[in-house]
Protein backbone atom coordinates (compact mmCIF):
# COMPACT_ATOMS: atom_id res chain seq x y z
CA MET A 1 3.14 5.11 7.04
CA ILE A 2 1.60 6.02 10.55
CA GLY A 3 1.70 9.66 11.31
CA SER A 4 -0.17 9.74 14.51
CA LEU A 5 -2.46 7.71 16.86
CA ARG A 6 -5.45 8.50 18.86
CA GLY A 7 -6.52 5.90 21.32
CA THR A 8 -6.48 4.48 24.86
CA VAL A 9 -3.23 3.91 26.55
CA LEU A 10 -3.71 0.25 27.81
CA GLU A 11 -0.34 -0.14 29.63
CA ARG A 12 3.20 0.99 30.15
CA THR A 13 4.77 -2.13 28.72
CA SER A 14 8.33 -0.96 29.89
CA ASN A 15 10.19 2.19 31.08
CA SER A 16 10.21 3.35 27.31
CA THR A 17 7.17 1.99 25.63
CA VAL A 18 3.46 2.10 25.84
CA LEU A 19 0.61 0.05 24.29
CA VAL A 20 -1.82 2.34 22.68
CA GLU A 21 -5.19 0.71 21.48
CA THR A 22 -6.85 2.32 18.35
CA ASN A 23 -9.88 0.69 16.65
CA GLY A 24 -9.30 -2.66 18.42
CA ILE A 25 -5.62 -2.87 17.40
CA GLY A 26 -2.72 -2.39 20.00
CA TYR A 27 0.33 -0.35 18.94
CA ILE A 28 3.63 -0.62 20.82
CA VAL A 29 5.09 2.89 20.88
CA HIS A 30 8.46 3.81 21.95
CA VAL A 31 8.54 7.18 24.04
CA THR A 32 10.91 9.31 26.09
CA PRO A 33 10.54 9.01 29.93
CA ARG A 34 9.09 12.58 29.94
CA THR A 35 6.27 11.43 27.45
CA LEU A 36 5.78 8.13 29.29
CA GLY A 37 5.13 10.15 32.49
CA GLU A 38 2.25 12.08 30.63
CA LEU A 39 0.67 8.91 29.30
CA GLU A 40 -1.50 7.46 32.12
CA PRO A 41 -3.07 4.03 31.53
CA THR A 42 -6.87 4.13 30.64
CA THR A 43 -6.81 7.69 29.29
CA THR A 44 -7.12 8.60 25.74
CA ALA A 45 -4.04 10.19 24.16
CA PHE A 46 -3.02 11.77 20.81
CA ILE A 47 0.61 10.78 19.89
CA TYR A 48 2.47 12.11 16.90
CA ILE A 49 4.39 9.11 15.45
CA HIS A 50 7.62 8.58 13.41
CA HIS A 51 7.17 5.14 11.81
CA HIS A 52 10.63 3.83 11.37
CA VAL A 53 10.81 1.03 8.75
CA ARG A 54 13.98 -1.16 8.48
CA GLU A 55 14.66 -4.25 6.52
CA ASP A 56 14.07 -6.65 9.62
CA ALA A 57 11.66 -4.34 11.74
CA GLN A 58 9.11 -1.67 11.96
CA THR A 59 9.10 0.40 14.98
CA LEU A 60 6.74 3.28 16.15
CA TYR A 61 8.24 6.32 18.08
CA GLY A 62 5.85 8.58 19.79
CA PHE A 63 5.92 12.17 20.80
CA LEU A 64 3.50 14.55 22.45
CA ASP A 65 4.14 17.44 20.02
CA ARG A 66 5.26 18.02 16.42
CA ASP A 67 8.53 19.96 17.47
CA GLU A 68 9.76 16.83 19.44
CA ARG A 69 8.98 14.58 16.39
CA ARG A 70 10.73 16.94 14.07
CA CYS A 71 13.74 17.18 16.33
CA PHE A 72 13.90 13.30 16.46
CA GLU A 73 13.73 13.21 12.60
CA ILE A 74 16.44 15.65 12.25
CA LEU A 75 18.71 13.74 14.80
CA ILE A 76 18.12 10.41 13.00
CA ALA A 77 19.13 12.07 9.73
CA THR A 78 22.49 12.93 11.31
CA HIS A 79 25.42 10.56 10.74
CA GLY A 80 25.90 8.07 13.35
CA VAL A 81 22.56 8.72 15.13
CA GLY A 82 20.10 6.02 15.17
CA PRO A 83 16.61 6.10 16.70
CA THR A 84 17.88 4.80 20.18
CA MET A 85 20.31 7.45 20.35
CA ALA A 86 17.94 10.17 19.34
CA MET A 87 15.55 9.03 21.97
CA MET A 88 18.23 9.27 24.63
CA ILE A 89 18.95 12.76 23.54
CA LEU A 90 15.41 13.64 23.80
CA ALA A 91 15.13 12.00 27.01
CA THR A 92 17.88 14.32 28.42
CA HIS A 93 17.04 17.59 26.52
CA SER A 94 14.02 19.11 25.18
CA PRO A 95 13.81 20.35 21.65
CA ARG A 96 14.33 24.05 22.85
CA ALA A 97 17.04 23.04 25.13
CA LEU A 98 18.84 21.07 22.29
CA VAL A 99 18.57 24.14 19.97
CA ASP A 100 20.28 26.30 22.74
CA ILE A 101 22.88 23.82 23.20
CA VAL A 102 23.70 23.58 19.53
CA ALA A 103 23.48 27.37 19.09
CA GLY A 104 25.90 27.88 22.16
CA SER A 105 28.26 24.91 21.16
CA ASP A 106 27.62 23.57 24.65
CA ILE A 107 29.61 20.26 24.30
CA PRO A 108 29.29 19.49 28.20
CA ALA A 109 25.57 19.54 27.86
CA LEU A 110 25.65 17.18 24.93
CA THR A 111 27.82 14.81 27.01
CA LEU A 112 25.12 14.48 29.67
CA VAL A 113 23.49 11.97 27.16
CA SER A 114 24.51 8.47 27.99
CA GLY A 115 26.73 7.17 25.39
CA VAL A 116 27.71 10.62 23.97
CA GLY A 117 31.37 11.44 24.51
CA LYS A 118 33.19 14.56 23.71
CA LYS A 119 34.09 13.57 20.08
CA THR A 120 30.66 12.49 19.48
CA ALA A 121 29.21 15.69 20.93
CA GLU A 122 31.65 17.87 18.85
CA ARG A 123 30.44 15.82 15.62
CA LEU A 124 26.76 16.26 16.45
CA LEU A 125 27.23 20.18 17.14
CA ILE A 126 28.98 20.58 13.61
CA GLU A 127 26.24 18.43 11.86
CA LEU A 128 23.29 19.98 13.63
CA LYS A 129 24.26 23.64 13.64
CA SER A 130 22.42 24.51 10.53
CA ARG A 131 19.76 21.86 10.37
CA LEU A 132 18.37 21.94 14.02
CA HIS A 133 18.04 25.63 14.33
CA LEU A 134 16.44 26.33 11.10
CA ASN A 135 14.02 23.49 11.42
CA ILE A 136 12.95 23.73 15.00
CA LEU A 137 13.52 27.31 16.16
CA GLU A 138 11.85 28.96 13.28
CA ALA A 139 8.96 26.27 12.90
CA SER A 140 7.67 26.88 16.40
CA ASN A 141 6.18 29.89 17.84
CA THR A 142 5.65 27.99 21.32
CA LEU A 143 9.25 27.64 21.92
CA SER A 144 10.76 30.78 23.50
CA GLY A 145 13.16 31.97 26.14
CA PRO A 146 16.70 30.66 26.94
CA SER A 147 17.48 27.22 28.23
CA SER A 148 18.24 26.98 31.81
CA VAL A 149 19.79 23.54 31.54
CA GLY A 150 23.36 24.88 31.24
CA ASP A 151 22.72 27.20 34.32
CA VAL A 152 21.61 24.34 36.45
CA ARG A 153 24.33 22.09 35.46
CA ASP A 154 26.86 24.79 36.10
CA ALA A 155 25.30 25.54 39.53
CA LEU A 156 25.11 21.86 40.66
CA SER A 157 28.68 21.34 39.43
CA GLY A 158 29.77 24.45 41.46
CA LEU A 159 28.03 23.00 44.43
CA GLY A 160 30.31 19.74 44.21
CA TYR A 161 27.77 17.24 42.63
CA SER A 162 29.47 14.65 40.27
CA THR A 163 28.85 14.68 36.46
CA GLU A 164 26.88 11.37 36.79
CA GLU A 165 24.65 12.78 39.58
CA ILE A 166 23.96 15.92 37.45
CA ARG A 167 23.31 13.81 34.27
CA ASP A 168 20.82 11.50 36.11
CA VAL A 169 18.82 14.37 37.75
CA LEU A 170 18.62 16.43 34.66
CA ARG A 171 17.33 13.43 32.82
CA GLU A 172 14.41 12.94 35.25
CA MET A 173 13.22 16.54 35.85
CA SER A 174 11.11 18.67 33.56
CA VAL A 175 12.86 21.44 31.65
CA SER A 176 11.47 24.99 32.04
CA ASN A 177 12.70 28.38 31.22
CA ASP A 178 12.99 29.23 34.92
CA SER A 179 16.41 28.27 36.12
CA GLU A 180 15.58 28.93 39.81
CA THR A 181 12.73 26.44 39.57
CA MET A 182 14.78 23.87 37.85
CA LEU A 183 17.57 24.22 40.44
CA ARG A 184 15.36 23.92 43.43
CA GLU A 185 13.67 20.86 41.92
CA ALA A 186 17.24 19.31 41.19
CA LEU A 187 18.42 20.04 44.63
CA ASN A 188 15.31 18.47 46.12
CA MET A 189 15.88 15.42 44.01
CA LEU A 190 19.65 15.00 44.88
CA GLY A 191 18.95 15.65 48.51
CA ALA A 192 16.35 12.89 48.47
CA ARG A 193 18.80 10.36 47.02
CA ARG A 194 21.65 11.17 49.43
CA ALA A 195 19.27 10.80 52.49
């Protein structure tokens, strides 16, 4: 099993994969858009890998930190969540934000993920409640402070933006603990789209 790769990023092969060369071998690695933005072609990168083996395929999923990989592995162990859905969840929410969403039973935040409706969000919350909090929050000292995703979502909704607009902008922006900075970034992105 492959646990990590250190190598040269040769190219971004799509909006969700990169080609990483290690010792003359090129590996196609599936990543989130946030991770993709960090991996510049021709640079050397260290990527934590989840090597997913099925009867008909082997797929590599890459993450820049252990917490994101751990979160991915917890998600795919959840009933009804495959690697594609897990990557969509992590594309929308950071591991810390996901812990906060689960701890606060924030169903609307989970429904921001494409393909996750209210019933699926409710089931995910129930299944993730014990696993995610214990495995991510306690395992990492780097994760601290409350999530601001809910605050930004509520503020944008109050300003009259649609659920689709909010979902799209939250997927693209970087998550931080400063809700003011996130709100400012979201408003700039939304303003540019409407112009």
